Amino acid sequence: MTSPTPDQLATLARLGAATVGELGGRAMRARVRAMWPGAAVVGEAVPVRCSPGDNLAIHVAAATSPAGCVLVVEIAGQPELGHWGEVLTTQAQARGIAGLVIDGGVRDVAALERLGFPVFATMLALRGAAKVAEGSVGEPATVGDVLVEAGDVVVADADGVTVVPGTELAAVVAAAEAREAKEQAMFEALRAGATTLDLLDLDPSPITRA
């Protein structure tokens, strides 16, 4: 399995999480969402697993992961802590990390938005986590009820978070591009007066109209 090309990443970013999620991407649960308006990121996943109440594994990942990656973090219990904030963001940006997806809480959201660092999480939380317990970086993690492995690709934006398995990347990109072309034709037809009932061959008979 090879790393995604810049063209593949650009295509996924243009098409967005919703389209990619319908064509082979694995959509995370809606609880994992953008922490500030306009946050968006596409990149190769580095899965991280943390012990309950602890974020040492996140610190290790932020210090050692390659530029352009997205940290994707499983929280094994006690999610209502600020596992990530301005300090980790500053380090991550200095090292070129592209963004964070975490099945738990973060804090310092105003700073994250000001710095333009894309973060997708489940909640805001003030109290910080300990930094002493075991965890892992690079091993599979389950985040937003989706199994994420190293080499998968994360597509996250205002619609949510989708994960494309690295082994299926080329097929998903091709399907998404085909879907995009089909939708453009549909938009043109709708502007010309067609309806979705016509274009999607929908049967309106179950619907009662006053």
N, C-alpha and C. Protein backbone atom coordinates (compact mmCIF):
# COMPACT_ATOMS: atom_id res chain seq x y z
N MET A 1 0.85 -1.20 0.00
CA MET A 1 0.00 0.00 0.00
C MET A 1 0.89 1.24 0.00
N THR A 2 0.62 2.17 -0.93
CA THR A 2 1.41 3.38 -1.03
C THR A 2 0.66 4.56 -0.41
N SER A 3 1.41 5.60 -0.09
CA SER A 3 0.79 6.80 0.46
C SER A 3 -0.07 7.48 -0.60
N PRO A 4 -1.10 8.21 -0.20
CA PRO A 4 -1.93 8.92 -1.17
C PRO A 4 -1.12 10.00 -1.88
N THR A 5 -1.43 10.22 -3.13
CA THR A 5 -0.75 11.26 -3.89
C THR A 5 -1.38 12.62 -3.59
N PRO A 6 -0.65 13.70 -3.85
CA PRO A 6 -1.25 15.03 -3.67
C PRO A 6 -2.52 15.21 -4.48
N ASP A 7 -2.57 14.65 -5.69
CA ASP A 7 -3.78 14.77 -6.52
C ASP A 7 -4.96 14.04 -5.89
N GLN A 8 -4.70 12.85 -5.32
CA GLN A 8 -5.78 12.12 -4.66
C GLN A 8 -6.31 12.89 -3.45
N LEU A 9 -5.41 13.44 -2.66
CA LEU A 9 -5.84 14.21 -1.49
C LEU A 9 -6.63 15.45 -1.91
N ALA A 10 -6.19 16.12 -2.96
CA ALA A 10 -6.90 17.30 -3.44
C ALA A 10 -8.30 16.93 -3.94
N THR A 11 -8.41 15.80 -4.62
CA THR A 11 -9.71 15.35 -5.10
C THR A 11 -10.65 15.06 -3.94
N LEU A 12 -10.16 14.36 -2.93
CA LEU A 12 -10.99 14.05 -1.77
C LEU A 12 -11.43 15.32 -1.05
N ALA A 13 -10.53 16.28 -0.93
CA ALA A 13 -10.87 17.54 -0.27
C ALA A 13 -11.96 18.28 -1.05
N ARG A 14 -11.85 18.27 -2.38
CA ARG A 14 -12.84 18.95 -3.20
C ARG A 14 -14.20 18.29 -3.12
N LEU A 15 -14.22 16.97 -3.11
CA LEU A 15 -15.49 16.24 -3.10
C LEU A 15 -16.15 16.26 -1.73
N GLY A 16 -15.36 16.23 -0.66
CA GLY A 16 -15.91 16.37 0.68
C GLY A 16 -16.32 15.07 1.34
N ALA A 17 -16.49 15.15 2.65
CA ALA A 17 -16.75 13.97 3.46
C ALA A 17 -18.06 13.29 3.10
N ALA A 18 -19.11 14.06 2.80
CA ALA A 18 -20.41 13.45 2.53
C ALA A 18 -20.38 12.60 1.27
N THR A 19 -19.83 13.14 0.19
CA THR A 19 -19.77 12.38 -1.06
C THR A 19 -18.87 11.17 -0.91
N VAL A 20 -17.70 11.37 -0.31
CA VAL A 20 -16.77 10.25 -0.14
C VAL A 20 -17.38 9.17 0.75
N GLY A 21 -18.14 9.60 1.76
CA GLY A 21 -18.75 8.64 2.68
C GLY A 21 -19.82 7.77 2.04
N GLU A 22 -20.38 8.22 0.94
CA GLU A 22 -21.40 7.43 0.25
C GLU A 22 -20.81 6.48 -0.78
N LEU A 23 -19.51 6.58 -1.01
CA LEU A 23 -18.91 5.83 -2.11
C LEU A 23 -17.72 4.99 -1.67
N GLY A 24 -17.77 4.49 -0.45
CA GLY A 24 -16.72 3.60 0.01
C GLY A 24 -16.00 4.08 1.24
N GLY A 25 -16.12 5.38 1.55
CA GLY A 25 -15.57 5.87 2.80
C GLY A 25 -16.43 5.40 3.97
N ARG A 26 -15.83 5.33 5.14
CA ARG A 26 -16.55 4.87 6.33
C ARG A 26 -16.84 6.07 7.22
N ALA A 27 -18.11 6.42 7.32
CA ALA A 27 -18.51 7.62 8.04
C ALA A 27 -18.48 7.40 9.55
N MET A 28 -17.81 8.30 10.26
CA MET A 28 -17.83 8.25 11.72
C MET A 28 -19.20 8.71 12.22
N ARG A 29 -19.51 8.34 13.45
CA ARG A 29 -20.76 8.77 14.06
C ARG A 29 -20.79 10.29 14.17
N ALA A 30 -22.00 10.83 14.15
CA ALA A 30 -22.17 12.29 14.10
C ALA A 30 -21.65 13.00 15.34
N ARG A 31 -21.38 12.25 16.40
CA ARG A 31 -20.85 12.91 17.60
C ARG A 31 -19.47 13.51 17.35
N VAL A 32 -18.74 13.01 16.37
CA VAL A 32 -17.42 13.55 16.05
C VAL A 32 -17.63 14.64 15.00
N ARG A 33 -17.42 15.88 15.39
CA ARG A 33 -17.78 17.01 14.53
C ARG A 33 -16.74 18.13 14.65
N ALA A 34 -16.80 19.05 13.70
CA ALA A 34 -15.87 20.17 13.68
C ALA A 34 -16.04 21.02 14.93
N MET A 35 -14.91 21.45 15.49
CA MET A 35 -14.94 22.25 16.70
C MET A 35 -14.95 23.75 16.42
N TRP A 36 -14.77 24.14 15.17
CA TRP A 36 -14.95 25.55 14.82
C TRP A 36 -15.40 25.63 13.37
N PRO A 37 -16.17 26.68 13.03
CA PRO A 37 -16.73 26.78 11.68
C PRO A 37 -15.65 26.86 10.62
N GLY A 38 -15.82 26.07 9.58
CA GLY A 38 -14.88 26.09 8.47
C GLY A 38 -13.72 25.12 8.61
N ALA A 39 -13.63 24.42 9.73
CA ALA A 39 -12.55 23.44 9.90
C ALA A 39 -12.69 22.34 8.86
N ALA A 40 -11.59 21.99 8.21
CA ALA A 40 -11.58 20.92 7.22
C ALA A 40 -10.17 20.39 7.08
N VAL A 41 -10.05 19.08 6.87
CA VAL A 41 -8.72 18.48 6.73
C VAL A 41 -8.83 17.18 5.94
N VAL A 42 -7.81 16.91 5.15
CA VAL A 42 -7.67 15.63 4.45
C VAL A 42 -6.22 15.20 4.62
N GLY A 43 -6.01 13.96 5.04
CA GLY A 43 -4.65 13.49 5.20
C GLY A 43 -4.59 12.05 5.64
N GLU A 44 -3.39 11.50 5.60
CA GLU A 44 -3.17 10.11 6.00
C GLU A 44 -3.28 9.98 7.51
N ALA A 45 -3.96 8.95 7.96
CA ALA A 45 -4.24 8.78 9.38
C ALA A 45 -3.06 8.20 10.14
N VAL A 46 -2.84 8.74 11.33
CA VAL A 46 -1.99 8.10 12.34
C VAL A 46 -2.90 7.75 13.51
N PRO A 47 -3.28 6.48 13.67
CA PRO A 47 -4.17 6.12 14.77
C PRO A 47 -3.45 6.15 16.10
N VAL A 48 -4.18 6.59 17.13
CA VAL A 48 -3.63 6.72 18.48
C VAL A 48 -4.66 6.16 19.46
N ARG A 49 -4.19 5.43 20.46
CA ARG A 49 -5.07 4.94 21.53
C ARG A 49 -4.58 5.43 22.87
N CYS A 50 -5.51 5.96 23.69
CA CYS A 50 -5.19 6.49 25.01
C CYS A 50 -5.86 5.68 26.10
N SER A 51 -5.20 5.59 27.25
CA SER A 51 -5.83 5.02 28.43
C SER A 51 -6.85 6.01 28.99
N PRO A 52 -7.84 5.53 29.76
CA PRO A 52 -8.83 6.43 30.34
C PRO A 52 -8.18 7.54 31.16
N GLY A 53 -8.59 8.77 30.89
CA GLY A 53 -8.12 9.90 31.67
C GLY A 53 -6.70 10.33 31.38
N ASP A 54 -6.09 9.84 30.32
CA ASP A 54 -4.68 10.09 30.05
C ASP A 54 -4.47 10.43 28.58
N ASN A 55 -3.54 11.35 28.29
CA ASN A 55 -3.27 11.70 26.90
C ASN A 55 -1.78 11.63 26.55
N LEU A 56 -1.02 10.82 27.28
CA LEU A 56 0.41 10.70 26.98
C LEU A 56 0.63 10.23 25.54
N ALA A 57 -0.19 9.30 25.06
CA ALA A 57 -0.03 8.80 23.69
C ALA A 57 -0.22 9.91 22.67
N ILE A 58 -1.09 10.88 22.96
CA ILE A 58 -1.27 12.00 22.05
C ILE A 58 -0.02 12.86 22.00
N HIS A 59 0.59 13.08 23.16
CA HIS A 59 1.83 13.86 23.18
C HIS A 59 2.93 13.17 22.37
N VAL A 60 3.00 11.85 22.49
CA VAL A 60 4.00 11.10 21.72
C VAL A 60 3.71 11.22 20.23
N ALA A 61 2.44 11.08 19.86
CA ALA A 61 2.06 11.16 18.45
C ALA A 61 2.35 12.54 17.87
N ALA A 62 2.02 13.58 18.63
CA ALA A 62 2.24 14.94 18.15
C ALA A 62 3.72 15.26 17.99
N ALA A 63 4.57 14.58 18.76
CA ALA A 63 6.01 14.83 18.71
C ALA A 63 6.73 13.99 17.66
N THR A 64 6.10 12.92 17.19
CA THR A 64 6.84 11.96 16.35
C THR A 64 6.19 11.67 15.00
N SER A 65 4.96 12.10 14.77
CA SER A 65 4.26 11.74 13.55
C SER A 65 4.71 12.61 12.38
N PRO A 66 4.59 12.10 11.15
CA PRO A 66 5.10 12.83 9.98
C PRO A 66 4.22 14.02 9.60
N ALA A 67 4.83 14.98 8.94
CA ALA A 67 4.10 16.14 8.43
C ALA A 67 3.01 15.69 7.46
N GLY A 68 1.89 16.39 7.50
CA GLY A 68 0.78 16.10 6.61
C GLY A 68 -0.21 15.09 7.12
N CYS A 69 0.10 14.43 8.24
CA CYS A 69 -0.80 13.39 8.76
C CYS A 69 -1.91 14.00 9.59
N VAL A 70 -2.93 13.18 9.84
CA VAL A 70 -4.03 13.53 10.74
C VAL A 70 -4.00 12.54 11.90
N LEU A 71 -3.90 13.05 13.11
CA LEU A 71 -3.95 12.18 14.29
C LEU A 71 -5.41 11.80 14.54
N VAL A 72 -5.66 10.50 14.69
CA VAL A 72 -7.03 9.98 14.87
C VAL A 72 -7.03 9.19 16.17
N VAL A 73 -7.71 9.71 17.19
CA VAL A 73 -7.47 9.28 18.57
C VAL A 73 -8.69 8.58 19.18
N GLU A 74 -8.44 7.37 19.67
CA GLU A 74 -9.43 6.62 20.45
C GLU A 74 -9.23 6.91 21.93
N ILE A 75 -10.32 7.27 22.59
CA ILE A 75 -10.29 7.51 24.04
C ILE A 75 -11.00 6.35 24.72
N ALA A 76 -10.27 5.57 25.49
CA ALA A 76 -10.83 4.36 26.11
C ALA A 76 -11.49 4.69 27.44
N GLY A 77 -12.53 5.50 27.40
CA GLY A 77 -13.21 5.86 28.63
C GLY A 77 -12.82 7.26 29.08
N GLN A 78 -13.68 7.86 29.92
CA GLN A 78 -13.49 9.20 30.47
C GLN A 78 -13.21 10.23 29.37
N PRO A 79 -14.14 10.37 28.43
CA PRO A 79 -13.91 11.31 27.33
C PRO A 79 -14.05 12.77 27.73
N GLU A 80 -14.70 13.06 28.86
CA GLU A 80 -14.98 14.45 29.22
C GLU A 80 -13.77 15.11 29.87
N LEU A 81 -12.66 15.14 29.14
CA LEU A 81 -11.45 15.84 29.54
C LEU A 81 -10.92 16.60 28.33
N GLY A 82 -10.17 17.65 28.59
CA GLY A 82 -9.54 18.39 27.51
C GLY A 82 -8.27 17.70 27.08
N HIS A 83 -8.39 16.70 26.22
CA HIS A 83 -7.23 15.92 25.80
C HIS A 83 -6.30 16.70 24.88
N TRP A 84 -6.78 17.78 24.31
CA TRP A 84 -6.01 18.55 23.33
C TRP A 84 -6.35 20.02 23.52
N GLY A 85 -5.36 20.89 23.32
CA GLY A 85 -5.59 22.33 23.43
C GLY A 85 -4.54 23.11 22.68
N GLU A 86 -4.34 24.35 23.11
CA GLU A 86 -3.46 25.26 22.38
C GLU A 86 -2.00 24.80 22.41
N VAL A 87 -1.55 24.23 23.53
CA VAL A 87 -0.15 23.81 23.63
C VAL A 87 0.16 22.71 22.60
N LEU A 88 -0.66 21.67 22.57
CA LEU A 88 -0.43 20.59 21.61
C LEU A 88 -0.61 21.09 20.18
N THR A 89 -1.55 22.01 19.97
CA THR A 89 -1.73 22.56 18.64
C THR A 89 -0.48 23.29 18.16
N THR A 90 0.12 24.07 19.04
CA THR A 90 1.32 24.81 18.66
C THR A 90 2.43 23.86 18.24
N GLN A 91 2.62 22.78 19.02
CA GLN A 91 3.62 21.78 18.67
C GLN A 91 3.28 21.10 17.35
N ALA A 92 2.02 20.71 17.18
CA ALA A 92 1.61 19.99 15.98
C ALA A 92 1.81 20.85 14.73
N GLN A 93 1.45 22.10 14.80
CA GLN A 93 1.61 22.96 13.64
C GLN A 93 3.08 23.16 13.31
N ALA A 94 3.92 23.29 14.32
CA ALA A 94 5.36 23.45 14.07
C ALA A 94 5.95 22.24 13.37
N ARG A 95 5.34 21.07 13.58
CA ARG A 95 5.84 19.84 12.98
C ARG A 95 5.09 19.49 11.69
N GLY A 96 4.13 20.31 11.29
CA GLY A 96 3.44 20.09 10.04
C GLY A 96 2.28 19.12 10.09
N ILE A 97 1.84 18.75 11.28
CA ILE A 97 0.68 17.86 11.38
C ILE A 97 -0.56 18.61 10.90
N ALA A 98 -1.40 17.91 10.12
CA ALA A 98 -2.48 18.58 9.41
C ALA A 98 -3.73 18.79 10.24
N GLY A 99 -4.02 17.90 11.20
CA GLY A 99 -5.24 18.04 11.97
C GLY A 99 -5.41 16.92 12.97
N LEU A 100 -6.54 16.99 13.68
CA LEU A 100 -6.85 16.03 14.75
C LEU A 100 -8.30 15.60 14.66
N VAL A 101 -8.53 14.29 14.81
CA VAL A 101 -9.86 13.72 15.00
C VAL A 101 -9.80 12.91 16.27
N ILE A 102 -10.69 13.19 17.23
CA ILE A 102 -10.63 12.54 18.54
C ILE A 102 -12.03 12.23 19.04
N ASP A 103 -12.19 11.02 19.55
CA ASP A 103 -13.48 10.59 20.09
C ASP A 103 -13.55 10.96 21.56
N GLY A 104 -13.40 12.26 21.82
CA GLY A 104 -13.38 12.76 23.19
C GLY A 104 -13.33 14.27 23.18
N GLY A 105 -12.99 14.85 24.34
CA GLY A 105 -13.05 16.29 24.50
C GLY A 105 -11.76 17.01 24.19
N VAL A 106 -11.90 18.29 23.84
CA VAL A 106 -10.78 19.20 23.64
C VAL A 106 -11.12 20.53 24.30
N ARG A 107 -10.14 21.43 24.35
CA ARG A 107 -10.38 22.75 24.92
C ARG A 107 -9.61 23.80 24.11
N ASP A 108 -9.66 25.06 24.58
CA ASP A 108 -8.97 26.18 23.90
C ASP A 108 -9.46 26.34 22.47
N VAL A 109 -10.76 26.20 22.26
CA VAL A 109 -11.29 26.20 20.90
C VAL A 109 -11.09 27.54 20.21
N ALA A 110 -11.18 28.64 20.95
CA ALA A 110 -10.95 29.94 20.32
C ALA A 110 -9.54 30.02 19.75
N ALA A 111 -8.57 29.46 20.49
CA ALA A 111 -7.19 29.45 20.00
C ALA A 111 -7.04 28.52 18.80
N LEU A 112 -7.71 27.38 18.82
CA LEU A 112 -7.64 26.46 17.68
C LEU A 112 -8.16 27.14 16.41
N GLU A 113 -9.25 27.87 16.55
CA GLU A 113 -9.80 28.58 15.39
C GLU A 113 -8.86 29.69 14.95
N ARG A 114 -8.33 30.44 15.91
CA ARG A 114 -7.42 31.53 15.56
C ARG A 114 -6.18 31.01 14.84
N LEU A 115 -5.69 29.85 15.27
CA LEU A 115 -4.51 29.26 14.65
C LEU A 115 -4.84 28.52 13.36
N GLY A 116 -6.13 28.29 13.11
CA GLY A 116 -6.54 27.61 11.89
C GLY A 116 -6.22 26.13 11.88
N PHE A 117 -6.20 25.51 13.08
CA PHE A 117 -5.87 24.09 13.15
C PHE A 117 -7.16 23.27 13.19
N PRO A 118 -7.39 22.40 12.20
CA PRO A 118 -8.64 21.65 12.14
C PRO A 118 -8.71 20.58 13.23
N VAL A 119 -9.75 20.66 14.06
CA VAL A 119 -9.98 19.68 15.12
C VAL A 119 -11.42 19.21 15.04
N PHE A 120 -11.59 17.89 15.07
CA PHE A 120 -12.91 17.26 15.09
C PHE A 120 -12.98 16.42 16.35
N ALA A 121 -13.96 16.69 17.20
CA ALA A 121 -14.05 16.06 18.52
C ALA A 121 -15.51 15.89 18.89
N THR A 122 -15.76 15.34 20.07
CA THR A 122 -17.13 15.10 20.50
C THR A 122 -17.66 16.15 21.46
N MET A 123 -16.76 16.92 22.09
CA MET A 123 -17.21 17.86 23.11
C MET A 123 -16.11 18.83 23.49
N LEU A 124 -16.52 19.88 24.20
CA LEU A 124 -15.58 20.78 24.86
C LEU A 124 -15.46 20.35 26.31
N ALA A 125 -14.25 20.41 26.85
CA ALA A 125 -14.03 20.01 28.24
C ALA A 125 -12.87 20.80 28.80
N LEU A 126 -13.04 21.31 30.03
CA LEU A 126 -12.03 22.18 30.63
C LEU A 126 -10.88 21.42 31.28
N ARG A 127 -11.20 20.41 32.06
CA ARG A 127 -10.18 19.76 32.89
C ARG A 127 -9.24 18.93 32.03
N GLY A 128 -7.94 19.04 32.30
CA GLY A 128 -6.94 18.34 31.51
C GLY A 128 -6.79 16.88 31.89
N ALA A 129 -6.03 16.14 31.08
CA ALA A 129 -5.80 14.71 31.29
C ALA A 129 -4.42 14.49 31.90
N ALA A 130 -4.25 13.33 32.53
CA ALA A 130 -2.94 12.91 33.02
C ALA A 130 -2.05 12.54 31.84
N LYS A 131 -0.76 12.35 32.13
CA LYS A 131 0.22 12.08 31.07
C LYS A 131 1.21 11.02 31.52
N VAL A 132 0.69 9.88 31.96
CA VAL A 132 1.56 8.86 32.54
C VAL A 132 1.25 7.44 32.07
N ALA A 133 0.09 7.21 31.48
CA ALA A 133 -0.39 5.84 31.28
C ALA A 133 -0.05 5.31 29.89
N GLU A 134 -0.24 4.01 29.74
CA GLU A 134 0.08 3.33 28.48
C GLU A 134 -0.89 3.75 27.38
N GLY A 135 -0.46 3.51 26.17
CA GLY A 135 -1.27 3.79 24.99
C GLY A 135 -0.53 3.29 23.77
N SER A 136 -0.93 3.73 22.60
CA SER A 136 -0.23 3.30 21.38
C SER A 136 -0.33 4.37 20.31
N VAL A 137 0.66 4.35 19.41
CA VAL A 137 0.68 5.22 18.24
C VAL A 137 0.97 4.35 17.03
N GLY A 138 0.09 4.38 16.05
CA GLY A 138 0.29 3.62 14.82
C GLY A 138 -0.45 2.30 14.78
N GLU A 139 -0.92 1.81 15.91
CA GLU A 139 -1.73 0.59 15.92
C GLU A 139 -3.19 0.95 15.66
N PRO A 140 -4.00 0.00 15.16
CA PRO A 140 -5.39 0.32 14.84
C PRO A 140 -6.14 0.89 16.04
N ALA A 141 -7.03 1.84 15.76
CA ALA A 141 -7.84 2.48 16.78
C ALA A 141 -9.27 2.59 16.28
N THR A 142 -10.22 2.55 17.19
CA THR A 142 -11.63 2.70 16.84
C THR A 142 -12.09 4.08 17.27
N VAL A 143 -12.44 4.91 16.30
CA VAL A 143 -12.79 6.30 16.56
C VAL A 143 -14.11 6.60 15.85
N GLY A 144 -15.07 7.14 16.60
CA GLY A 144 -16.38 7.37 16.01
C GLY A 144 -17.02 6.11 15.49
N ASP A 145 -16.72 4.99 16.15
CA ASP A 145 -17.22 3.66 15.78
C ASP A 145 -16.68 3.17 14.44
N VAL A 146 -15.57 3.72 13.98
CA VAL A 146 -14.91 3.29 12.75
C VAL A 146 -13.50 2.81 13.09
N LEU A 147 -13.14 1.63 12.59
CA LEU A 147 -11.78 1.13 12.77
C LEU A 147 -10.86 1.89 11.82
N VAL A 148 -9.81 2.49 12.38
CA VAL A 148 -8.86 3.29 11.61
C VAL A 148 -7.49 2.63 11.71
N GLU A 149 -6.86 2.43 10.56
CA GLU A 149 -5.54 1.84 10.51
C GLU A 149 -4.55 2.82 9.89
N ALA A 150 -3.28 2.64 10.22
CA ALA A 150 -2.25 3.47 9.62
C ALA A 150 -2.32 3.35 8.10
N GLY A 151 -2.26 4.47 7.41
CA GLY A 151 -2.36 4.45 5.96
C GLY A 151 -3.75 4.73 5.43
N ASP A 152 -4.77 4.66 6.29
CA ASP A 152 -6.10 5.11 5.86
C ASP A 152 -6.06 6.62 5.65
N VAL A 153 -7.06 7.13 4.94
CA VAL A 153 -7.11 8.56 4.67
C VAL A 153 -8.36 9.16 5.30
N VAL A 154 -8.17 10.25 6.02
CA VAL A 154 -9.25 10.96 6.69
C VAL A 154 -9.74 12.11 5.82
N VAL A 155 -11.05 12.23 5.68
CA VAL A 155 -11.67 13.37 5.00
C VAL A 155 -12.67 13.96 5.98
N ALA A 156 -12.41 15.18 6.44
CA ALA A 156 -13.25 15.79 7.48
C ALA A 156 -13.57 17.23 7.11
N ASP A 157 -14.84 17.59 7.27
CA ASP A 157 -15.27 18.96 6.99
C ASP A 157 -16.57 19.22 7.75
N ALA A 158 -17.32 20.22 7.34
CA ALA A 158 -18.52 20.61 8.07
C ALA A 158 -19.57 19.51 8.12
N ASP A 159 -19.53 18.57 7.18
CA ASP A 159 -20.51 17.48 7.15
C ASP A 159 -20.16 16.34 8.10
N GLY A 160 -18.92 16.24 8.53
CA GLY A 160 -18.51 15.16 9.41
C GLY A 160 -17.16 14.60 9.02
N VAL A 161 -16.92 13.35 9.43
CA VAL A 161 -15.62 12.71 9.22
C VAL A 161 -15.83 11.37 8.52
N THR A 162 -15.09 11.15 7.45
CA THR A 162 -15.11 9.90 6.71
C THR A 162 -13.69 9.34 6.63
N VAL A 163 -13.56 8.03 6.72
CA VAL A 163 -12.26 7.37 6.64
C VAL A 163 -12.26 6.45 5.42
N VAL A 164 -11.26 6.64 4.56
CA VAL A 164 -11.12 5.80 3.37
C VAL A 164 -10.00 4.79 3.64
N PRO A 165 -10.29 3.49 3.63
CA PRO A 165 -9.22 2.51 3.81
C PRO A 165 -8.13 2.69 2.77
N GLY A 166 -6.89 2.64 3.20
CA GLY A 166 -5.79 2.86 2.28
C GLY A 166 -5.79 1.90 1.10
N THR A 167 -6.23 0.66 1.33
CA THR A 167 -6.25 -0.34 0.26
C THR A 167 -7.33 -0.07 -0.77
N GLU A 168 -8.29 0.81 -0.44
CA GLU A 168 -9.40 1.08 -1.33
C GLU A 168 -9.38 2.50 -1.88
N LEU A 169 -8.28 3.22 -1.64
CA LEU A 169 -8.25 4.64 -1.95
C LEU A 169 -8.50 4.91 -3.43
N ALA A 170 -7.79 4.23 -4.33
CA ALA A 170 -7.93 4.50 -5.76
C ALA A 170 -9.36 4.26 -6.23
N ALA A 171 -9.97 3.18 -5.76
CA ALA A 171 -11.34 2.87 -6.17
C ALA A 171 -12.32 3.92 -5.66
N VAL A 172 -12.14 4.36 -4.42
CA VAL A 172 -13.05 5.37 -3.86
C VAL A 172 -12.90 6.70 -4.60
N VAL A 173 -11.67 7.09 -4.90
CA VAL A 173 -11.46 8.35 -5.62
C VAL A 173 -12.12 8.27 -7.00
N ALA A 174 -11.96 7.16 -7.69
CA ALA A 174 -12.57 7.01 -9.01
C ALA A 174 -14.09 7.07 -8.93
N ALA A 175 -14.67 6.40 -7.95
CA ALA A 175 -16.12 6.40 -7.80
C ALA A 175 -16.63 7.79 -7.44
N ALA A 176 -15.88 8.50 -6.60
CA ALA A 176 -16.29 9.84 -6.20
C ALA A 176 -16.23 10.80 -7.37
N GLU A 177 -15.21 10.67 -8.21
CA GLU A 177 -15.12 11.54 -9.38
C GLU A 177 -16.27 11.28 -10.34
N ALA A 178 -16.63 10.00 -10.51
CA ALA A 178 -17.77 9.67 -11.38
C ALA A 178 -19.07 10.23 -10.80
N ARG A 179 -19.20 10.14 -9.49
CA ARG A 179 -20.40 10.69 -8.83
C ARG A 179 -20.45 12.21 -9.01
N GLU A 180 -19.32 12.87 -8.91
CA GLU A 180 -19.27 14.31 -9.07
C GLU A 180 -19.77 14.71 -10.45
N ALA A 181 -19.30 14.01 -11.50
CA ALA A 181 -19.71 14.32 -12.86
C ALA A 181 -21.22 14.12 -13.03
N LYS A 182 -21.74 13.05 -12.44
CA LYS A 182 -23.18 12.78 -12.53
C LYS A 182 -23.99 13.87 -11.84
N GLU A 183 -23.50 14.32 -10.67
CA GLU A 183 -24.23 15.35 -9.93
C GLU A 183 -24.20 16.68 -10.66
N GLN A 184 -23.10 16.99 -11.33
CA GLN A 184 -23.06 18.24 -12.08
C GLN A 184 -24.11 18.25 -13.17
N ALA A 185 -24.29 17.11 -13.83
CA ALA A 185 -25.33 17.01 -14.85
C ALA A 185 -26.71 17.17 -14.23
N MET A 186 -26.89 16.62 -13.00
CA MET A 186 -28.17 16.75 -12.32
C MET A 186 -28.44 18.21 -11.94
N PHE A 187 -27.44 18.91 -11.46
CA PHE A 187 -27.62 20.32 -11.10
C PHE A 187 -28.07 21.13 -12.32
N GLU A 188 -27.46 20.86 -13.45
CA GLU A 188 -27.83 21.59 -14.66
C GLU A 188 -29.28 21.30 -15.05
N ALA A 189 -29.68 20.03 -14.92
CA ALA A 189 -31.06 19.67 -15.25
C ALA A 189 -32.05 20.32 -14.29
N LEU A 190 -31.72 20.37 -13.00
CA LEU A 190 -32.60 21.00 -12.02
C LEU A 190 -32.75 22.49 -12.31
N ARG A 191 -31.67 23.14 -12.66
CA ARG A 191 -31.73 24.58 -12.98
C ARG A 191 -32.58 24.81 -14.23
N ALA A 192 -32.62 23.81 -15.09
CA ALA A 192 -33.41 23.93 -16.33
C ALA A 192 -34.88 23.58 -16.12
N GLY A 193 -35.26 23.16 -14.89
CA GLY A 193 -36.67 22.91 -14.60
C GLY A 193 -37.04 21.49 -14.25
N ALA A 194 -36.11 20.56 -14.36
CA ALA A 194 -36.41 19.18 -13.97
C ALA A 194 -36.59 19.10 -12.45
N THR A 195 -37.16 18.02 -11.97
CA THR A 195 -37.32 17.80 -10.54
C THR A 195 -36.58 16.54 -10.12
N THR A 196 -36.33 16.44 -8.82
CA THR A 196 -35.69 15.23 -8.32
C THR A 196 -36.60 14.02 -8.48
N LEU A 197 -37.91 14.24 -8.51
CA LEU A 197 -38.82 13.11 -8.77
C LEU A 197 -38.53 12.50 -10.13
N ASP A 198 -38.30 13.37 -11.12
CA ASP A 198 -38.00 12.89 -12.46
C ASP A 198 -36.62 12.24 -12.52
N LEU A 199 -35.63 12.96 -12.04
CA LEU A 199 -34.25 12.55 -12.23
C LEU A 199 -33.89 11.31 -11.43
N LEU A 200 -34.54 11.13 -10.28
CA LEU A 200 -34.24 9.97 -9.44
C LEU A 200 -35.28 8.87 -9.59
N ASP A 201 -36.25 9.09 -10.49
CA ASP A 201 -37.31 8.11 -10.75
C ASP A 201 -38.02 7.72 -9.45
N LEU A 202 -38.44 8.75 -8.71
CA LEU A 202 -39.12 8.52 -7.44
C LEU A 202 -40.62 8.37 -7.62
N ASP A 203 -41.22 7.52 -6.81
CA ASP A 203 -42.66 7.28 -6.86
C ASP A 203 -43.31 8.12 -5.76
N PRO A 204 -44.07 9.16 -6.13
CA PRO A 204 -44.67 10.01 -5.11
C PRO A 204 -45.96 9.48 -4.51
N SER A 205 -46.43 8.33 -4.97
CA SER A 205 -47.76 7.86 -4.57
C SER A 205 -47.93 7.62 -3.06
N PRO A 206 -46.88 7.24 -2.29
CA PRO A 206 -47.08 7.05 -0.86
C PRO A 206 -47.35 8.35 -0.10
N ILE A 207 -47.16 9.50 -0.73
CA ILE A 207 -47.26 10.77 -0.04
C ILE A 207 -48.64 11.36 -0.24
N THR A 208 -49.33 11.72 0.88
CA THR A 208 -50.63 12.38 0.82
C THR A 208 -50.42 13.88 0.69
N ARG A 209 -51.06 14.48 -0.29
CA ARG A 209 -50.97 15.93 -0.49
C ARG A 209 -52.32 16.56 -0.29
N ALA A 210 -52.36 17.64 0.51
CA ALA A 210 -53.63 18.34 0.79
C ALA A 210 -54.06 19.12 -0.42
